[in-house]
């Protein structure tokens, strides 16, 4: 806990490792253990740097009384110097929360035998843990008497310190337990970022929520949008149950199904007049999703392999992982970009859709974990995608027939 507080404060694993004379792997393991115990992500890496998430701020506040108590423990054990407490010693305290809880139980019961029965432990095992705790602190904590075990003066001081740590940790854990219960009931759906409220992705998710809640399912749905790379990582770590992606890459270890097929198109400013990709990119700035998305990876590969013009190279392309921003840049600021046709059709009133010189296929997929609720949601998403895309095609065909 002492290590975690410094990581959240400094936002650096390596700086924490140097300060406490630990290996970076030890510090990273401490973070992972805390995230597991508290059922939340505290940090993540962004652009090579460690970023403390919003939840980490609340945990940092909850760790404050524990940090104060650890400082008291250092002074109690004589681990202080001219500069204050011995931080390297504090970062290596080998006392687990369970040992603290057992010490407190013995103190409250006034008897090792009674505490052992309440804890469903053997008396020798509990006695050994208390002896190890006394050896670590360098004091006798109990006087063994005929009528039981009584705290020594040092034991009473240790009791106050350990009680503060136990209470603060239980406060953190109780909040985590409630989050875990909500999380266990929740079905977490992740998707690529929709182009807008009218996009097929947004409409699919809207239909999913509507139909799911109409069934009065016991599993509430929570939604999040991110890039394809982030979706795969979230699915792998268990942070989401279902993912809608614009790439099949990296899904070999998951259950997955093809959602729909389409092809890549150029979206251009509505008043542009160029008819070829080459002329469009020569006359307009380019903005497209980053290679962290399936669409961005495919578009970048297409541009690099087929264009001799250096303006079509990645260093001359603005990357943005917000499709609404890309659509706005194209519709209102003279940019061109690439989309799957199925994503471009709903915004045909805002941009020009220009076919590529050759067919570049794209496919969207839905991947899911072992939960039955995830498989059920997947089936609803597939049916919704089929319905929405067929409606869009029928609408466009109707417009063409009217124009003819």
Protein backbone atom coordinates (compact mmCIF):
# COMPACT_ATOMS: atom_id res chain seq x y z
CA UNK A 1 0.00 0.00 0.00
CA UNK A 2 2.94 2.29 0.70
CA UNK A 3 4.27 1.53 -2.80
CA UNK A 4 0.89 2.08 -4.47
CA UNK A 5 0.49 5.50 -2.87
CA UNK A 6 3.81 6.67 -4.27
CA UNK A 7 3.04 5.30 -7.77
CA UNK A 8 -0.28 7.17 -7.81
CA UNK A 9 1.42 10.33 -6.55
CA UNK A 10 4.44 10.26 -8.85
CA UNK A 11 2.76 8.57 -11.87
CA UNK A 12 5.97 6.63 -12.40
CA UNK A 13 6.87 3.00 -11.76
CA UNK A 14 10.58 3.56 -12.36
CA UNK A 15 10.83 6.61 -10.10
CA UNK A 16 9.07 4.66 -7.34
CA UNK A 17 11.41 1.70 -7.85
CA UNK A 18 14.49 3.96 -7.62
CA UNK A 19 13.20 5.75 -4.53
CA UNK A 20 12.47 2.56 -2.61
CA UNK A 21 15.38 0.55 -4.08
CA UNK A 22 13.04 -2.01 -5.66
CA UNK A 23 12.89 -3.58 -9.09
CA UNK A 24 10.31 -2.09 -11.53
CA UNK A 25 8.72 -5.55 -11.81
CA UNK A 26 8.11 -5.59 -8.04
CA UNK A 27 6.40 -2.20 -8.21
CA UNK A 28 4.32 -3.26 -11.22
CA UNK A 29 3.26 -6.42 -9.40
CA UNK A 30 2.15 -4.31 -6.43
CA UNK A 31 -0.04 -2.22 -8.75
CA UNK A 32 -1.61 -5.31 -10.31
CA UNK A 33 -2.30 -6.86 -6.91
CA UNK A 34 -3.96 -3.67 -5.67
CA UNK A 35 -6.09 -3.44 -8.82
CA UNK A 36 -7.19 -7.04 -8.31
CA UNK A 37 -8.04 -6.50 -4.64
CA UNK A 38 -9.91 -3.26 -5.33
CA UNK A 39 -11.60 -4.48 -8.54
CA UNK A 40 -10.62 -1.38 -10.52
CA UNK A 41 -7.98 -0.02 -12.86
CA UNK A 42 -5.82 2.56 -11.12
CA UNK A 43 -3.39 3.41 -13.91
CA UNK A 44 -2.84 2.90 -17.62
CA UNK A 45 -0.12 3.68 -20.11
CA UNK A 46 -0.65 6.48 -22.64
CA UNK A 47 2.08 7.54 -25.08
CA UNK A 48 4.64 5.63 -23.04
CA UNK A 49 3.73 7.39 -19.78
CA UNK A 50 1.83 6.10 -16.75
CA UNK A 51 -1.45 7.93 -16.26
CA UNK A 52 -3.41 7.82 -13.00
CA UNK A 53 -7.08 7.21 -13.75
CA UNK A 54 -9.91 9.07 -12.02
CA UNK A 55 -10.57 6.05 -9.78
CA UNK A 56 -6.95 6.21 -8.64
CA UNK A 57 -7.60 9.63 -7.10
CA UNK A 58 -10.24 8.17 -4.79
CA UNK A 59 -7.94 5.31 -3.80
CA UNK A 60 -5.13 7.77 -3.11
CA UNK A 61 -7.40 9.59 -0.67
CA UNK A 62 -8.36 6.30 0.97
CA UNK A 63 -4.70 5.35 1.37
CA UNK A 64 -3.85 8.52 3.30
CA UNK A 65 -4.73 7.18 6.78
CA UNK A 66 -2.85 3.97 5.95
CA UNK A 67 0.22 5.99 4.99
CA UNK A 68 0.03 7.90 8.28
CA UNK A 69 -0.25 4.61 10.18
CA UNK A 70 2.74 3.16 8.30
CA UNK A 71 4.74 6.21 9.37
CA UNK A 72 3.74 5.49 12.97
CA UNK A 73 4.76 1.85 12.48
CA UNK A 74 8.21 2.95 11.25
CA UNK A 75 8.69 5.11 14.33
CA UNK A 76 7.43 2.30 16.56
CA UNK A 77 9.95 -0.12 15.04
CA UNK A 78 12.77 2.44 15.22
CA UNK A 79 13.08 2.77 11.45
CA UNK A 80 13.68 6.53 11.34
CA UNK A 81 16.58 8.76 10.52
CA UNK A 82 17.50 12.41 10.19
CA UNK A 83 15.39 12.70 7.04
CA UNK A 84 12.30 11.03 8.53
CA UNK A 85 11.02 7.48 8.25
CA UNK A 86 13.00 4.80 6.40
CA UNK A 87 10.99 4.60 3.17
CA UNK A 88 12.92 1.59 1.85
CA UNK A 89 11.97 -0.29 5.04
CA UNK A 90 8.36 0.85 4.83
CA UNK A 91 8.13 -0.38 1.22
CA UNK A 92 9.23 -3.87 2.34
CA UNK A 93 7.02 -4.43 5.38
CA UNK A 94 6.29 -8.18 5.21
CA UNK A 95 3.08 -7.97 7.25
CA UNK A 96 -0.06 -8.90 5.34
CA UNK A 97 -3.52 -7.53 6.07
CA UNK A 98 -4.67 -10.99 7.14
CA UNK A 99 -1.93 -11.10 9.81
CA UNK A 100 -3.04 -7.69 11.07
CA UNK A 101 -6.66 -8.87 11.28
CA UNK A 102 -5.61 -11.96 13.24
CA UNK A 103 -3.53 -9.90 15.68
CA UNK A 104 -6.53 -7.64 16.28
CA UNK A 105 -8.80 -10.64 16.80
CA UNK A 106 -6.48 -12.10 19.46
CA UNK A 107 -6.31 -8.71 21.19
CA UNK A 108 -10.10 -8.34 21.12
CA UNK A 109 -10.73 -11.89 22.36
CA UNK A 110 -7.97 -11.78 24.96
CA UNK A 111 -7.12 -15.37 24.11
CA UNK A 112 -5.24 -17.11 21.32
CA UNK A 113 -7.43 -20.21 21.69
CA UNK A 114 -10.70 -18.27 21.41
CA UNK A 115 -9.41 -16.25 18.46
CA UNK A 116 -8.21 -19.43 16.72
CA UNK A 117 -11.67 -20.98 17.05
CA UNK A 118 -13.37 -17.86 15.69
CA UNK A 119 -10.92 -17.68 12.80
CA UNK A 120 -11.15 -21.45 12.13
CA UNK A 121 -7.38 -21.79 12.51
CA UNK A 122 -5.16 -24.10 14.45
CA UNK A 123 -3.81 -22.58 17.66
CA UNK A 124 -0.15 -23.39 16.74
CA UNK A 125 -0.53 -21.66 13.36
CA UNK A 126 -1.94 -18.51 14.96
CA UNK A 127 0.75 -18.52 17.68
CA UNK A 128 3.45 -18.77 15.00
CA UNK A 129 2.02 -15.76 13.12
CA UNK A 130 2.01 -13.68 16.30
CA UNK A 131 5.58 -14.72 17.07
CA UNK A 132 6.68 -13.67 13.57
CA UNK A 133 4.95 -10.32 14.01
CA UNK A 134 6.72 -9.76 17.34
CA UNK A 135 10.06 -10.73 15.81
CA UNK A 136 9.56 -8.27 12.95
CA UNK A 137 8.64 -5.36 15.24
CA UNK A 138 11.20 -6.26 17.90
CA UNK A 139 8.73 -6.18 20.81
CA UNK A 140 6.61 -8.57 22.80
CA UNK A 141 3.01 -7.69 22.01
CA UNK A 142 1.25 -10.06 24.43
CA UNK A 143 1.77 -11.28 27.95
CA UNK A 144 0.71 -14.92 28.05
CA UNK A 145 -1.20 -15.49 31.30
CA UNK A 146 -3.26 -18.34 32.67
CA UNK A 147 -6.52 -16.56 31.84
CA UNK A 148 -5.43 -15.61 28.32
CA UNK A 149 -3.25 -13.15 26.41
CA UNK A 150 -3.03 -9.51 27.47
CA UNK A 151 -1.54 -6.71 25.38
CA UNK A 152 1.74 -5.27 26.60
CA UNK A 153 2.33 -1.51 26.47
CA UNK A 154 4.00 -1.99 23.06
CA UNK A 155 1.11 -4.26 22.03
CA UNK A 156 -1.40 -1.50 22.81
CA UNK A 157 0.56 0.90 20.62
CA UNK A 158 0.71 -1.67 17.83
CA UNK A 159 -3.04 -2.24 18.24
CA UNK A 160 -3.80 1.44 17.55
CA UNK A 161 -1.60 1.44 14.45
CA UNK A 162 -2.96 -1.81 13.03
CA UNK A 163 -6.55 -0.83 13.80
CA UNK A 164 -6.11 2.37 11.75
CA UNK A 165 -4.69 0.34 8.83
CA UNK A 166 -7.44 -2.29 9.07
CA UNK A 167 -10.28 0.24 9.18
CA UNK A 168 -8.94 2.26 6.22
CA UNK A 169 -8.36 -0.89 4.16
CA UNK A 170 -11.84 -2.23 4.95
CA UNK A 171 -13.33 1.09 3.83
CA UNK A 172 -11.51 0.75 0.50
CA UNK A 173 -12.48 -2.91 0.16
CA UNK A 174 -16.16 -2.36 0.96
CA UNK A 175 -16.38 0.10 -1.94
CA UNK A 176 -14.55 -2.42 -4.13
CA UNK A 177 -16.89 -5.23 -3.13
CA UNK A 178 -19.89 -3.16 -4.17
CA UNK A 179 -18.23 -2.34 -7.49
CA UNK A 180 -17.52 -6.03 -7.99
CA UNK A 181 -21.16 -6.95 -7.34
CA UNK A 182 -22.32 -4.32 -9.84
CA UNK A 183 -19.68 -5.46 -12.34
CA UNK A 184 -20.65 -9.12 -11.97
CA UNK A 185 -24.25 -8.25 -12.81
CA UNK A 186 -23.30 -5.90 -15.65
CA UNK A 187 -22.72 -6.92 -19.26
CA UNK A 188 -19.94 -4.70 -20.59
CA UNK A 189 -20.10 -3.91 -24.31
CA UNK A 190 -17.21 -2.24 -26.13
CA UNK A 191 -17.37 -0.92 -29.67
CA UNK A 192 -15.38 0.98 -32.21
CA UNK A 193 -16.13 4.70 -32.10
CA UNK A 194 -19.38 5.55 -34.00
CA UNK A 195 -19.35 8.30 -36.62
CA UNK A 196 -22.34 9.84 -34.90
CA UNK A 197 -25.79 9.10 -33.51
CA UNK A 198 -27.00 8.10 -36.98
CA UNK A 199 -24.24 5.55 -37.56
CA UNK A 200 -24.96 1.84 -37.79
CA UNK A 201 -22.77 1.19 -34.70
CA UNK A 202 -24.71 3.65 -32.55
CA UNK A 203 -28.04 2.34 -33.82
CA UNK A 204 -26.99 -1.28 -33.18
CA UNK A 205 -26.09 -0.46 -29.61
CA UNK A 206 -29.31 1.50 -29.16
CA UNK A 207 -31.36 -1.47 -30.39
CA UNK A 208 -29.38 -3.80 -28.15
CA UNK A 209 -30.08 -1.74 -25.02
CA UNK A 210 -33.75 -1.31 -25.92
CA UNK A 211 -34.40 -4.99 -26.63
CA UNK A 212 -32.26 -6.15 -23.71
CA UNK A 213 -34.12 -4.01 -21.20
CA UNK A 214 -37.49 -4.98 -22.71
CA UNK A 215 -36.65 -8.57 -21.82
CA UNK A 216 -36.06 -7.46 -18.20
CA UNK A 217 -32.69 -9.21 -18.16
CA UNK A 218 -30.89 -9.58 -14.84
CA UNK A 219 -27.71 -8.26 -16.50
CA UNK A 220 -27.61 -4.48 -16.88
CA UNK A 221 -25.67 -3.23 -19.93
CA UNK A 222 -22.81 -0.74 -19.83
CA UNK A 223 -21.30 0.69 -23.03
CA UNK A 224 -17.88 2.06 -23.92
CA UNK A 225 -16.22 3.06 -27.21
CA UNK A 226 -12.51 2.76 -27.99
CA UNK A 227 -10.05 1.79 -30.73
CA UNK A 228 -9.72 -1.77 -32.04
CA UNK A 229 -6.38 -2.25 -30.26
CA UNK A 230 -7.87 -1.12 -26.95
CA UNK A 231 -10.94 -3.31 -27.47
CA UNK A 232 -8.78 -6.42 -27.92
CA UNK A 233 -6.82 -5.60 -24.78
CA UNK A 234 -10.00 -4.93 -22.78
CA UNK A 235 -11.52 -8.21 -23.97
CA UNK A 236 -8.35 -10.07 -23.07
CA UNK A 237 -8.19 -8.57 -19.57
CA UNK A 238 -11.90 -9.19 -18.92
CA UNK A 239 -12.81 -5.50 -18.66
CA UNK A 240 -15.45 -5.99 -21.38
CA UNK A 241 -17.56 -9.00 -22.38
CA UNK A 242 -18.41 -8.14 -26.01
CA UNK A 243 -16.50 -6.11 -28.61
CA UNK A 244 -17.55 -4.71 -31.99
CA UNK A 245 -14.38 -4.25 -34.07
CA UNK A 246 -13.42 -3.15 -37.57
CA UNK A 247 -10.72 -5.82 -37.85
CA UNK A 248 -10.49 -9.57 -37.29
CA UNK A 249 -6.80 -9.32 -36.37
CA UNK A 250 -5.98 -10.71 -32.92
CA UNK A 251 -9.34 -12.40 -32.35
CA UNK A 252 -8.07 -15.97 -32.74
CA UNK A 253 -8.30 -16.67 -29.00
CA UNK A 254 -11.87 -15.30 -28.69
CA UNK A 255 -15.24 -16.51 -29.84
CA UNK A 256 -16.12 -14.21 -32.74
CA UNK A 257 -18.46 -13.87 -35.70
CA UNK A 258 -18.49 -11.68 -38.76
CA UNK A 259 -20.93 -8.85 -38.32
CA UNK A 260 -21.05 -7.46 -41.85
CA UNK A 261 -18.96 -6.94 -44.98
CA UNK A 262 -18.40 -3.71 -46.84
CA UNK A 263 -15.71 -1.91 -48.82
CA UNK A 264 -13.59 1.16 -48.27
CA UNK A 265 -14.58 4.50 -49.80
CA UNK A 266 -13.29 8.07 -49.71
CA UNK A 267 -15.41 10.72 -48.03
CA UNK A 268 -14.83 14.18 -49.48
CA UNK A 269 -16.14 17.73 -48.89
CA UNK A 270 -19.70 18.07 -50.24
CA UNK A 271 -18.74 20.79 -52.73
CA UNK A 272 -15.55 19.16 -53.99
CA UNK A 273 -15.40 18.29 -57.69
CA UNK A 274 -12.47 15.86 -57.99
CA UNK A 275 -13.53 12.36 -59.03
CA UNK A 276 -10.39 10.29 -58.37
CA UNK A 277 -8.57 9.51 -55.14
CA UNK A 278 -5.34 10.93 -56.54
CA UNK A 279 -6.96 14.28 -57.40
CA UNK A 280 -8.78 14.45 -54.06
CA UNK A 281 -5.68 13.98 -51.92
CA UNK A 282 -3.71 16.36 -54.11
CA UNK A 283 -6.27 19.09 -53.51
CA UNK A 284 -7.29 18.48 -49.88
CA UNK A 285 -5.73 17.83 -46.50
CA UNK A 286 -6.14 14.28 -45.18
CA UNK A 287 -7.42 13.12 -41.80
CA UNK A 288 -8.08 9.50 -40.93
CA UNK A 289 -8.26 7.18 -37.93
CA UNK A 290 -4.91 6.10 -36.49
CA UNK A 291 -3.42 2.64 -37.17
CA UNK A 292 -4.73 1.63 -33.71
CA UNK A 293 -8.06 1.16 -35.50
CA UNK A 294 -8.76 -1.49 -38.11
CA UNK A 295 -10.02 1.17 -40.50
CA UNK A 296 -6.98 3.38 -40.00
CA UNK A 297 -4.60 0.45 -40.46
CA UNK A 298 -6.31 -0.60 -43.69
CA UNK A 299 -6.44 2.96 -45.05
CA UNK A 300 -2.78 3.59 -44.21
CA UNK A 301 -1.73 0.35 -45.88
CA UNK A 302 -3.81 1.25 -48.95
CA UNK A 303 -2.28 4.73 -49.22
CA UNK A 304 1.33 3.64 -48.64
CA UNK A 305 1.20 0.78 -51.12
CA UNK A 306 -0.56 2.52 -53.98
CA UNK A 307 0.43 6.18 -53.94
CA UNK A 308 3.67 7.65 -55.20
CA UNK A 309 2.68 11.15 -54.09
CA UNK A 310 4.47 11.94 -50.80
CA UNK A 311 1.35 13.78 -49.55
CA UNK A 312 -0.21 10.35 -49.31
CA UNK A 313 2.37 9.19 -46.76
CA UNK A 314 1.62 8.78 -43.07
CA UNK A 315 3.79 11.70 -41.97
CA UNK A 316 1.54 14.03 -43.98
CA UNK A 317 -1.71 12.63 -42.58
CA UNK A 318 -3.52 13.90 -39.50
CA UNK A 319 -4.61 10.98 -37.33
CA UNK A 320 -7.71 11.28 -35.15
CA UNK A 321 -9.45 8.49 -33.28
CA UNK A 322 -12.69 10.46 -33.07
CA UNK A 323 -14.87 9.72 -36.08
CA UNK A 324 -17.28 12.61 -35.37
CA UNK A 325 -14.28 14.98 -35.55
CA UNK A 326 -13.14 13.41 -38.83
CA UNK A 327 -16.63 13.76 -40.31
CA UNK A 328 -16.73 17.42 -39.23
CA UNK A 329 -13.31 18.07 -40.81
CA UNK A 330 -14.52 16.59 -44.09
CA UNK A 331 -17.97 18.20 -44.09
CA UNK A 332 -16.96 21.67 -42.92
CA UNK A 333 -13.20 22.17 -43.27
CA UNK A 334 -12.21 20.72 -46.64
CA UNK A 335 -10.50 17.47 -45.54
CA UNK A 336 -10.79 14.04 -47.12
CA UNK A 337 -10.80 10.72 -45.29
CA UNK A 338 -11.55 7.01 -45.63
CA UNK A 339 -14.47 5.05 -44.19
CA UNK A 340 -16.20 1.74 -44.68
CA UNK A 341 -19.12 2.24 -47.05
CA UNK A 342 -21.59 1.07 -44.40
CA UNK A 343 -20.35 3.85 -42.09
CA UNK A 344 -20.35 6.46 -44.87
CA UNK A 345 -23.90 5.85 -46.09
CA UNK A 346 -25.66 7.35 -43.03
CA UNK A 347 -23.72 10.62 -43.48
CA UNK A 348 -24.19 10.86 -47.27
CA UNK A 349 -26.09 14.14 -46.74
CA UNK A 350 -22.99 15.69 -45.13
CA UNK A 351 -20.16 14.44 -47.37
CA UNK A 352 -19.47 13.16 -50.88
CA UNK A 353 -18.84 9.42 -51.12
CA UNK A 354 -16.25 8.61 -53.77
CA UNK A 355 -15.42 5.05 -54.81
CA UNK A 356 -11.80 3.90 -54.86
CA UNK A 357 -10.17 2.94 -58.13
CA UNK A 358 -10.14 -0.67 -56.93
CA UNK A 359 -12.25 -2.65 -54.51
CA UNK A 360 -10.75 -2.75 -50.98
CA UNK A 361 -12.85 -5.11 -48.82
CA UNK A 362 -13.50 -4.47 -45.14
CA UNK A 363 -15.33 -6.52 -42.57
CA UNK A 364 -16.64 -5.84 -39.09
CA UNK A 365 -16.71 -8.48 -36.38
CA UNK A 366 -18.18 -9.06 -32.97
CA UNK A 367 -16.11 -10.96 -30.38
CA UNK A 368 -17.29 -12.17 -26.99
CA UNK A 369 -16.20 -14.14 -23.93
CA UNK A 370 -17.60 -17.30 -22.31
CA UNK A 371 -20.60 -15.68 -20.56
CA UNK A 372 -24.00 -16.80 -21.84
CA UNK A 373 -25.23 -13.21 -21.58
CA UNK A 374 -22.37 -12.15 -23.88
CA UNK A 375 -23.38 -14.73 -26.51
CA UNK A 376 -27.03 -13.59 -26.23
CA UNK A 377 -26.02 -9.94 -26.70
CA UNK A 378 -23.87 -10.94 -29.67
CA UNK A 379 -26.88 -12.53 -31.39
CA UNK A 380 -28.95 -9.36 -30.85
CA UNK A 381 -26.13 -7.18 -32.25
CA UNK A 382 -25.79 -9.34 -35.39
CA UNK A 383 -29.54 -9.23 -36.03
CA UNK A 384 -29.61 -5.47 -35.44
CA UNK A 385 -26.67 -4.86 -37.82
CA UNK A 386 -28.34 -6.89 -40.56
CA UNK A 387 -31.60 -5.00 -40.13
CA UNK A 388 -30.02 -1.54 -40.03
CA UNK A 389 -27.71 -2.02 -43.02
CA UNK A 390 -30.49 -3.54 -45.14
CA UNK A 391 -32.72 -0.57 -44.30
CA UNK A 392 -29.96 1.82 -45.34
CA UNK A 393 -29.42 0.05 -48.67
CA UNK A 394 -33.17 0.00 -49.37
CA UNK A 395 -33.41 3.73 -48.59
CA UNK A 396 -30.58 4.61 -50.98
CA UNK A 397 -32.04 2.39 -53.73
CA UNK A 398 -35.40 4.15 -53.24
CA UNK A 399 -33.77 7.57 -53.63
CA UNK A 400 -32.01 6.43 -56.82
CA UNK A 401 -35.25 5.09 -58.30
CA UNK A 402 -37.04 8.35 -57.51
CA UNK A 403 -34.22 10.33 -59.16
CA UNK A 404 -34.42 8.13 -62.26
